[in-house]
Amino acid sequence: ASGVPPKDVAKNLGVSIPTLYRWVPASTHA
């Protein structure tokens, strides 16, 4: 998902933006 806007990622996954930002920081700081 690198280089892809978070909104596009959320749209592609079918999840909400808040849900997206809930696990994105966790995966990036893992």
PDB file of N, CA and C in Angstrom:
ATOM      1  N   ALA A   1       0.841  -1.211   0.000  1.00  0.00           N
ATOM      2  CA  ALA A   1       0.000   0.000   0.000  1.00  0.00           C
ATOM      3  C   ALA A   1       0.863   1.243   0.000  1.00  0.00           C
ATOM      4  N   SER A   2       2.159   1.060  -0.223  1.00  0.00           N
ATOM      5  CA  SER A   2       3.062   2.213  -0.214  1.00  0.00           C
ATOM      6  C   SER A   2       2.813   3.108  -1.412  1.00  0.00           C
ATOM      7  N   GLY A   3       2.721   4.420  -1.162  1.00  0.00           N
ATOM      8  CA  GLY A   3       2.498   5.363  -2.242  1.00  0.00           C
ATOM      9  C   GLY A   3       1.032   5.523  -2.585  1.00  0.00           C
ATOM     10  N   VAL A   4       0.169   4.805  -1.856  1.00  0.00           N
ATOM     11  CA  VAL A   4      -1.270   4.909  -2.102  1.00  0.00           C
ATOM     12  C   VAL A   4      -1.920   5.738  -1.002  1.00  0.00           C
ATOM     13  N   PRO A   5      -2.687   6.765  -1.390  1.00  0.00           N
ATOM     14  CA  PRO A   5      -3.377   7.618  -0.414  1.00  0.00           C
ATOM     15  C   PRO A   5      -4.253   6.790   0.511  1.00  0.00           C
ATOM     16  N   PRO A   6      -4.230   7.090   1.814  1.00  0.00           N
ATOM     17  CA  PRO A   6      -5.010   6.343   2.811  1.00  0.00           C
ATOM     18  C   PRO A   6      -6.480   6.231   2.436  1.00  0.00           C
ATOM     19  N   LYS A   7      -7.020   7.290   1.829  1.00  0.00           N
ATOM     20  CA  LYS A   7      -8.438   7.273   1.456  1.00  0.00           C
ATOM     21  C   LYS A   7      -8.690   6.209   0.403  1.00  0.00           C
ATOM     22  N   ASP A   8      -7.747   6.062  -0.541  1.00  0.00           N
ATOM     23  CA  ASP A   8      -7.898   5.044  -1.580  1.00  0.00           C
ATOM     24  C   ASP A   8      -7.771   3.653  -0.978  1.00  0.00           C
ATOM     25  N   VAL A   9      -6.859   3.515  -0.036  1.00  0.00           N
ATOM     26  CA  VAL A   9      -6.671   2.231   0.630  1.00  0.00           C
ATOM     27  C   VAL A   9      -7.942   1.839   1.369  1.00  0.00           C
ATOM     28  N   ALA A  10      -8.507   2.799   2.097  1.00  0.00           N
ATOM     29  CA  ALA A  10      -9.725   2.547   2.864  1.00  0.00           C
ATOM     30  C   ALA A  10     -10.865   2.176   1.935  1.00  0.00           C
ATOM     31  N   LYS A  11     -10.925   2.861   0.778  1.00  0.00           N
ATOM     32  CA  LYS A  11     -11.997   2.586  -0.182  1.00  0.00           C
ATOM     33  C   LYS A  11     -11.832   1.191  -0.765  1.00  0.00           C
ATOM     34  N   ASN A  12     -10.591   0.827  -1.058  1.00  0.00           N
ATOM     35  CA  ASN A  12     -10.316  -0.479  -1.650  1.00  0.00           C
ATOM     36  C   ASN A  12     -10.606  -1.606  -0.658  1.00  0.00           C
ATOM     37  N   LEU A  13     -10.289  -1.363   0.609  1.00  0.00           N
ATOM     38  CA  LEU A  13     -10.497  -2.390   1.620  1.00  0.00           C
ATOM     39  C   LEU A  13     -11.936  -2.402   2.108  1.00  0.00           C
ATOM     40  N   GLY A  14     -12.647  -1.310   1.868  1.00  0.00           N
ATOM     41  CA  GLY A  14     -14.037  -1.232   2.303  1.00  0.00           C
ATOM     42  C   GLY A  14     -14.150  -0.941   3.787  1.00  0.00           C
ATOM     43  N   VAL A  15     -13.120  -0.285   4.339  1.00  0.00           N
ATOM     44  CA  VAL A  15     -13.163   0.069   5.750  1.00  0.00           C
ATOM     45  C   VAL A  15     -13.248   1.579   5.909  1.00  0.00           C
ATOM     46  N   SER A  16     -13.605   2.009   7.105  1.00  0.00           N
ATOM     47  CA  SER A  16     -13.715   3.431   7.370  1.00  0.00           C
ATOM     48  C   SER A  16     -12.343   4.026   7.657  1.00  0.00           C
ATOM     49  N   ILE A  17     -12.207   5.328   7.482  1.00  0.00           N
ATOM     50  CA  ILE A  17     -10.928   5.997   7.719  1.00  0.00           C
ATOM     51  C   ILE A  17     -10.453   5.814   9.166  1.00  0.00           C
ATOM     52  N   PRO A  18     -11.327   6.019  10.165  1.00  0.00           N
ATOM     53  CA  PRO A  18     -10.899   5.812  11.559  1.00  0.00           C
ATOM     54  C   PRO A  18     -10.378   4.402  11.805  1.00  0.00           C
ATOM     55  N   THR A  19     -11.040   3.415  11.184  1.00  0.00           N
ATOM     56  CA  THR A  19     -10.600   2.029  11.341  1.00  0.00           C
ATOM     57  C   THR A  19      -9.244   1.838  10.689  1.00  0.00           C
ATOM     58  N   LEU A  20      -9.056   2.488   9.536  1.00  0.00           N
ATOM     59  CA  LEU A  20      -7.794   2.377   8.819  1.00  0.00           C
ATOM     60  C   LEU A  20      -6.651   2.921   9.668  1.00  0.00           C
ATOM     61  N   TYR A  21      -6.851   4.118  10.224  1.00  0.00           N
ATOM     62  CA  TYR A  21      -5.805   4.748  11.021  1.00  0.00           C
ATOM     63  C   TYR A  21      -5.605   4.046  12.355  1.00  0.00           C
ATOM     64  N   ARG A  22      -6.533   3.133  12.681  1.00  0.00           N
ATOM     65  CA  ARG A  22      -6.393   2.408  13.945  1.00  0.00           C
ATOM     66  C   ARG A  22      -5.321   1.341  13.833  1.00  0.00           C
ATOM     67  N   TRP A  23      -5.194   0.725  12.616  1.00  0.00           N
ATOM     68  CA  TRP A  23      -4.207  -0.347  12.470  1.00  0.00           C
ATOM     69  C   TRP A  23      -2.990   0.051  11.647  1.00  0.00           C
ATOM     70  N   VAL A  24      -3.092   1.152  10.902  1.00  0.00           N
ATOM     71  CA  VAL A  24      -1.944   1.589  10.109  1.00  0.00           C
ATOM     72  C   VAL A  24      -0.759   1.982  10.989  1.00  0.00           C
ATOM     73  N   PRO A  25      -0.972   2.842  12.015  1.00  0.00           N
ATOM     74  CA  PRO A  25       0.148   3.204  12.897  1.00  0.00           C
ATOM     75  C   PRO A  25       0.741   1.974  13.583  1.00  0.00           C
ATOM     76  N   ALA A  26      -0.094   1.020  13.921  1.00  0.00           N
ATOM     77  CA  ALA A  26       0.363  -0.186  14.604  1.00  0.00           C
ATOM     78  C   ALA A  26       1.281  -0.998  13.700  1.00  0.00           C
ATOM     79  N   SER A  27       0.943  -1.036  12.405  1.00  0.00           N
ATOM     80  CA  SER A  27       1.727  -1.832  11.466  1.00  0.00           C
ATOM     81  C   SER A  27       2.995  -1.101  11.053  1.00  0.00           C
ATOM     82  N   THR A  28       2.937   0.230  11.028  1.00  0.00           N
ATOM     83  CA  THR A  28       4.097   1.005  10.593  1.00  0.00           C
ATOM     84  C   THR A  28       5.116   1.135  11.711  1.00  0.00           C
ATOM     85  N   HIS A  29       4.660   1.083  12.959  1.00  0.00           N
ATOM     86  CA  HIS A  29       5.565   1.226  14.093  1.00  0.00           C
ATOM     87  C   HIS A  29       5.918  -0.121  14.695  1.00  0.00           C
ATOM     88  N   ALA A  30       5.451  -1.192  14.059  1.00  0.00           N
ATOM     89  CA  ALA A  30       5.707  -2.530  14.597  1.00  0.00           C
ATOM     90  C   ALA A  30       7.207  -2.827  14.573  1.00  0.00           C
TER      91      ALA A  30
END
